[in-house]
């Protein structure tokens, strides 16, 4: 795909990208597909998926208590537990505000580990990475956060994950649809990191839902049904179910104005090329 060559002009030391069709076929790739990148908050997609596997396996339920008083696994996944961004401090009652929270995902991973009796990084590997053949992916929770800093992966591995998101084999398709297409706690407003306050700030269960947010890190051509996540390490993964494709881009430069400019341009070019 010619559009992916746009990453050569990005102001980053290293970049790699790929586009994956709904049937799992890789339509295009550019850059070092096996290069290991820090994922930052794209890790949350992997953490959320492992959590959903745990729910289907009966480890715990979405509405089981977890986190602050009144909060549940569902609240933690949807960033509505009331926990602060990077502190284990309650800022609001559960369900009232979309407070994007790394701390909430740390609590989520700890709750899964306690309920399963398996360290979270190991659970994620056994539940998601190994079955999908994601051999280079890991979430290191020993000294890092399952909300972001602990995640490492490659574009090649995330292409396998993107295929799973579009045609689930590890989860019932209805579970994935509920997590990625149904807004959890509809109407909730809050800050979309890097882009300011949004009313509403739509989110599923671990997956940001684009909706009508503007400006946004995806393209203007992306449908409102687009879901995914971006990371502060200069990474993103989105799935547009209307277009029937997913796009992954990993870099090793922190998110900033450069990313807010070039990411939507790449997304629009990819969508235009695959129409």
Protein backbone atom coordinates (compact mmCIF):
# COMPACT_ATOMS: atom_id res chain seq x y z
CA UNK A 1 0.00 0.00 0.00
CA UNK A 2 1.49 3.28 -1.13
CA UNK A 3 -0.18 5.25 1.66
CA UNK A 4 1.89 3.50 4.34
CA UNK A 5 5.08 4.98 2.91
CA UNK A 6 3.96 8.26 4.50
CA UNK A 7 5.57 7.10 7.75
CA UNK A 8 8.98 7.65 6.14
CA UNK A 9 8.39 11.40 6.50
CA UNK A 10 7.37 11.27 10.14
CA UNK A 11 9.78 13.03 12.56
CA UNK A 12 10.56 9.83 14.47
CA UNK A 13 13.64 7.61 14.84
CA UNK A 14 11.76 4.42 13.90
CA UNK A 15 8.27 3.69 12.62
CA UNK A 16 6.38 0.69 11.30
CA UNK A 17 2.80 0.30 10.10
CA UNK A 18 0.38 -2.24 8.68
CA UNK A 19 -3.20 -2.50 7.46
CA UNK A 20 -5.21 -5.64 8.20
CA UNK A 21 -8.45 -6.64 6.48
CA UNK A 22 -11.42 -8.08 8.39
CA UNK A 23 -10.56 -11.59 7.18
CA UNK A 24 -7.08 -11.28 8.67
CA UNK A 25 -5.23 -10.64 5.41
CA UNK A 26 -2.47 -8.04 5.69
CA UNK A 27 -3.19 -5.55 2.91
CA UNK A 28 0.04 -3.63 3.36
CA UNK A 29 3.01 -3.15 5.64
CA UNK A 30 5.87 -0.69 5.86
CA UNK A 31 8.85 -0.42 8.17
CA UNK A 32 10.39 -3.03 10.47
CA UNK A 33 7.51 -5.35 11.28
CA UNK A 34 9.47 -7.27 13.95
CA UNK A 35 10.90 -4.23 15.73
CA UNK A 36 9.90 -4.23 19.41
CA UNK A 37 8.22 -0.96 20.40
CA UNK A 38 6.91 0.26 23.76
CA UNK A 39 3.13 0.41 23.37
CA UNK A 40 2.22 2.85 26.14
CA UNK A 41 -1.59 2.99 26.38
CA UNK A 42 -2.18 0.73 23.39
CA UNK A 43 -1.37 -1.85 26.09
CA UNK A 44 -4.84 -1.16 27.48
CA UNK A 45 -6.37 -2.95 24.49
CA UNK A 46 -4.44 -6.09 25.39
CA UNK A 47 -5.26 -5.74 29.09
CA UNK A 48 -8.94 -5.27 28.25
CA UNK A 49 -8.99 -8.30 25.96
CA UNK A 50 -7.39 -10.51 28.62
CA UNK A 51 -10.01 -9.22 31.07
CA UNK A 52 -12.83 -10.16 28.71
CA UNK A 53 -11.35 -13.65 28.33
CA UNK A 54 -11.34 -13.89 32.13
CA UNK A 55 -15.00 -12.89 32.21
CA UNK A 56 -15.93 -15.58 29.68
CA UNK A 57 -13.86 -18.12 31.63
CA UNK A 58 -15.77 -17.29 34.81
CA UNK A 59 -12.79 -15.81 36.68
CA UNK A 60 -15.00 -12.88 37.60
CA UNK A 61 -17.99 -10.98 36.24
CA UNK A 62 -18.16 -7.53 34.67
CA UNK A 63 -20.38 -6.39 37.50
CA UNK A 64 -18.26 -7.83 40.32
CA UNK A 65 -16.95 -5.20 42.75
CA UNK A 66 -13.45 -3.92 41.92
CA UNK A 67 -11.72 -0.68 42.78
CA UNK A 68 -13.32 2.09 44.86
CA UNK A 69 -16.57 1.53 46.76
CA UNK A 70 -19.40 1.10 44.27
CA UNK A 71 -17.05 0.43 41.36
CA UNK A 72 -17.02 -2.77 39.29
CA UNK A 73 -14.86 -4.46 36.68
CA UNK A 74 -17.07 -2.76 34.07
CA UNK A 75 -16.41 0.68 35.57
CA UNK A 76 -12.65 0.09 35.53
CA UNK A 77 -12.68 -0.99 31.88
CA UNK A 78 -14.77 2.04 30.90
CA UNK A 79 -12.74 4.63 32.85
CA UNK A 80 -15.74 5.46 35.04
CA UNK A 81 -14.54 4.06 38.38
CA UNK A 82 -13.81 7.56 39.66
CA UNK A 83 -10.10 6.91 40.14
CA UNK A 84 -7.64 9.65 39.23
CA UNK A 85 -5.42 9.56 36.15
CA UNK A 86 -2.22 8.27 37.73
CA UNK A 87 -3.11 8.08 41.42
CA UNK A 88 -5.08 5.55 43.41
CA UNK A 89 -7.25 8.42 44.61
CA UNK A 90 -11.01 8.69 44.23
CA UNK A 91 -12.07 11.81 42.32
CA UNK A 92 -15.73 11.05 41.58
CA UNK A 93 -18.51 8.56 42.27
CA UNK A 94 -18.46 5.52 39.94
CA UNK A 95 -20.38 6.03 36.70
CA UNK A 96 -20.58 9.81 36.89
CA UNK A 97 -17.57 10.93 34.86
CA UNK A 98 -15.23 9.49 32.23
CA UNK A 99 -12.00 9.96 34.16
CA UNK A 100 -9.33 8.36 32.00
CA UNK A 101 -7.33 6.37 34.53
CA UNK A 102 -4.08 4.43 34.37
CA UNK A 103 -4.62 3.68 38.04
CA UNK A 104 -7.95 2.06 37.17
CA UNK A 105 -6.27 -0.38 34.80
CA UNK A 106 -3.67 -1.19 37.44
CA UNK A 107 -6.48 -2.02 39.86
CA UNK A 108 -8.18 -4.05 37.12
CA UNK A 109 -5.08 -6.16 36.47
CA UNK A 110 -4.60 -6.71 40.19
CA UNK A 111 -8.22 -7.80 40.57
CA UNK A 112 -7.83 -10.32 37.74
CA UNK A 113 -4.60 -11.68 39.23
CA UNK A 114 -6.23 -12.08 42.63
CA UNK A 115 -9.34 -13.76 41.25
CA UNK A 116 -7.40 -16.12 38.94
CA UNK A 117 -4.39 -16.79 41.12
CA UNK A 118 -2.16 -16.06 38.11
CA UNK A 119 0.15 -13.05 37.72
CA UNK A 120 -1.50 -10.71 35.22
CA UNK A 121 1.27 -10.69 32.61
CA UNK A 122 1.27 -14.48 32.61
CA UNK A 123 -2.52 -14.60 32.36
CA UNK A 124 -2.51 -12.23 29.37
CA UNK A 125 0.15 -14.33 27.65
CA UNK A 126 -1.74 -17.59 28.18
CA UNK A 127 -5.14 -16.13 27.36
CA UNK A 128 -4.29 -13.90 24.39
CA UNK A 129 -0.70 -13.72 23.15
CA UNK A 130 0.16 -17.41 22.92
CA UNK A 131 -3.13 -18.53 21.30
CA UNK A 132 -2.79 -15.79 18.66
CA UNK A 133 0.90 -16.49 18.00
CA UNK A 134 1.99 -13.08 19.32
CA UNK A 135 5.46 -14.34 20.19
CA UNK A 136 7.13 -10.99 20.83
CA UNK A 137 4.39 -9.39 22.94
CA UNK A 138 4.51 -9.07 26.70
CA UNK A 139 3.07 -7.08 29.57
CA UNK A 140 5.67 -6.75 32.31
CA UNK A 141 3.90 -6.04 35.58
CA UNK A 142 6.92 -6.66 37.83
CA UNK A 143 8.12 -3.05 37.63
CA UNK A 144 5.79 -1.56 35.02
CA UNK A 145 2.11 -0.76 34.64
CA UNK A 146 -0.43 -2.92 32.77
CA UNK A 147 -2.02 0.40 31.84
CA UNK A 148 0.84 1.29 29.51
CA UNK A 149 4.50 1.22 30.45
CA UNK A 150 4.59 -2.56 30.78
CA UNK A 151 3.50 -3.33 27.20
CA UNK A 152 5.90 -4.20 24.39
CA UNK A 153 5.00 -5.53 20.96
CA UNK A 154 5.63 -5.47 17.22
CA UNK A 155 3.48 -4.48 14.27
CA UNK A 156 3.53 -8.11 13.13
CA UNK A 157 2.09 -9.25 16.46
CA UNK A 158 -0.50 -6.48 16.60
CA UNK A 159 -1.62 -7.40 13.09
CA UNK A 160 -2.62 -10.79 14.54
CA UNK A 161 -4.47 -9.01 17.34
CA UNK A 162 -6.18 -6.68 14.86
CA UNK A 163 -7.40 -9.71 12.92
CA UNK A 164 -8.78 -11.17 16.17
CA UNK A 165 -10.66 -7.97 16.92
CA UNK A 166 -12.37 -8.14 13.54
CA UNK A 167 -13.09 -11.89 13.50
CA UNK A 168 -12.87 -13.13 17.10
CA UNK A 169 -11.78 -16.67 17.86
CA UNK A 170 -10.76 -16.31 21.50
CA UNK A 171 -14.00 -14.60 22.52
CA UNK A 172 -17.61 -14.87 21.52
CA UNK A 173 -18.23 -12.23 18.82
CA UNK A 174 -21.05 -10.79 20.93
CA UNK A 175 -18.57 -10.09 23.75
CA UNK A 176 -16.26 -8.20 21.39
CA UNK A 177 -19.20 -6.31 19.89
CA UNK A 178 -20.37 -5.26 23.34
CA UNK A 179 -16.86 -4.06 24.24
CA UNK A 180 -16.15 -2.19 21.02
CA UNK A 181 -19.47 -1.00 19.61
CA UNK A 182 -21.67 -0.34 22.65
CA UNK A 183 -20.91 2.80 24.63
CA UNK A 184 -20.43 1.98 28.29
CA UNK A 185 -22.20 4.50 30.52
CA UNK A 186 -23.57 6.57 27.59
CA UNK A 187 -23.49 10.35 27.81
CA UNK A 188 -20.49 10.40 30.13
CA UNK A 189 -18.13 13.29 29.44
CA UNK A 190 -14.45 13.62 30.17
CA UNK A 191 -10.99 14.39 28.82
CA UNK A 192 -9.65 12.54 25.80
CA UNK A 193 -5.90 12.64 26.56
CA UNK A 194 -4.07 14.97 24.20
CA UNK A 195 -7.28 16.34 22.68
CA UNK A 196 -9.18 17.95 25.53
CA UNK A 197 -12.65 17.63 27.05
CA UNK A 198 -15.31 15.80 25.07
CA UNK A 199 -19.08 15.75 25.60
CA UNK A 200 -19.70 12.89 25.37
CA UNK A 201 -16.41 11.01 25.59
CA UNK A 202 -17.58 7.65 24.23
CA UNK A 203 -15.79 4.54 25.40
CA UNK A 204 -16.56 0.84 25.31
CA UNK A 205 -14.95 -1.72 27.61
CA UNK A 206 -11.29 -0.79 27.28
CA UNK A 207 -11.72 0.49 23.72
CA UNK A 208 -12.19 4.13 22.82
CA UNK A 209 -15.12 4.61 20.42
CA UNK A 210 -14.60 7.47 18.00
CA UNK A 211 -18.17 8.67 17.74
CA UNK A 212 -18.37 12.30 16.62
CA UNK A 213 -15.24 13.53 18.42
CA UNK A 214 -13.28 16.21 16.56
CA UNK A 215 -10.42 16.78 16.35
CA UNK A 216 -9.37 13.19 16.83
CA UNK A 217 -6.29 11.02 16.42
CA UNK A 218 -8.01 8.93 13.72
CA UNK A 219 -8.89 10.40 10.30
CA UNK A 220 -11.81 12.50 9.19
CA UNK A 221 -12.74 9.59 6.91
CA UNK A 222 -12.95 7.12 9.80
CA UNK A 223 -16.52 6.13 10.62
CA UNK A 224 -18.00 6.96 14.04
CA UNK A 225 -17.93 3.20 14.71
CA UNK A 226 -14.11 3.20 14.68
CA UNK A 227 -12.60 1.88 17.90
CA UNK A 228 -9.08 1.47 19.27
CA UNK A 229 -6.49 3.37 21.27
CA UNK A 230 -3.37 5.46 20.97
CA UNK A 231 -0.35 5.56 23.24
CA UNK A 232 1.94 8.28 24.55
CA UNK A 233 4.93 6.44 23.08
CA UNK A 234 3.70 7.44 19.60
CA UNK A 235 1.59 4.38 18.85
CA UNK A 236 -1.94 3.63 17.69
CA UNK A 237 -4.27 0.85 16.62
CA UNK A 238 -7.72 1.44 15.20
CA UNK A 239 -10.38 -0.78 13.69
CA UNK A 240 -13.02 0.69 11.39
CA UNK A 241 -15.78 -1.94 11.09
CA UNK A 242 -17.53 0.05 8.36
CA UNK A 243 -14.41 0.07 6.18
CA UNK A 244 -13.56 -3.51 7.19
CA UNK A 245 -9.93 -2.76 8.02
CA UNK A 246 -7.61 -2.08 10.93
CA UNK A 247 -4.53 0.15 10.93
CA UNK A 248 -1.52 -0.10 13.23
CA UNK A 249 1.34 2.37 13.54
CA UNK A 250 4.15 2.12 16.08
CA UNK A 251 6.93 4.65 16.63
CA UNK A 252 9.48 5.47 19.31
CA UNK A 253 8.78 9.18 19.74
CA UNK A 254 6.43 10.45 22.43
CA UNK A 255 3.01 11.66 21.33
CA UNK A 256 2.81 15.37 20.61
CA UNK A 257 1.62 17.90 18.00
CA UNK A 258 3.54 15.98 15.32
CA UNK A 259 1.34 12.91 15.91
CA UNK A 260 -1.90 14.86 16.06
CA UNK A 261 -1.00 16.20 12.59
CA UNK A 262 0.30 13.11 10.76
CA UNK A 263 -1.80 10.30 12.23
CA UNK A 264 -5.14 11.55 10.80
CA UNK A 265 -3.44 12.16 7.44
CA UNK A 266 -2.21 8.56 7.34
CA UNK A 267 -5.60 7.21 8.41
CA UNK A 268 -7.42 9.14 5.68
CA UNK A 269 -4.91 8.03 3.06
CA UNK A 270 -5.26 4.40 4.10
CA UNK A 271 -9.05 4.58 3.98
CA UNK A 272 -9.01 6.27 0.57
CA UNK A 273 -6.64 3.64 -0.82
CA UNK A 274 -8.73 0.71 0.42
CA UNK A 275 -12.11 1.92 -0.81
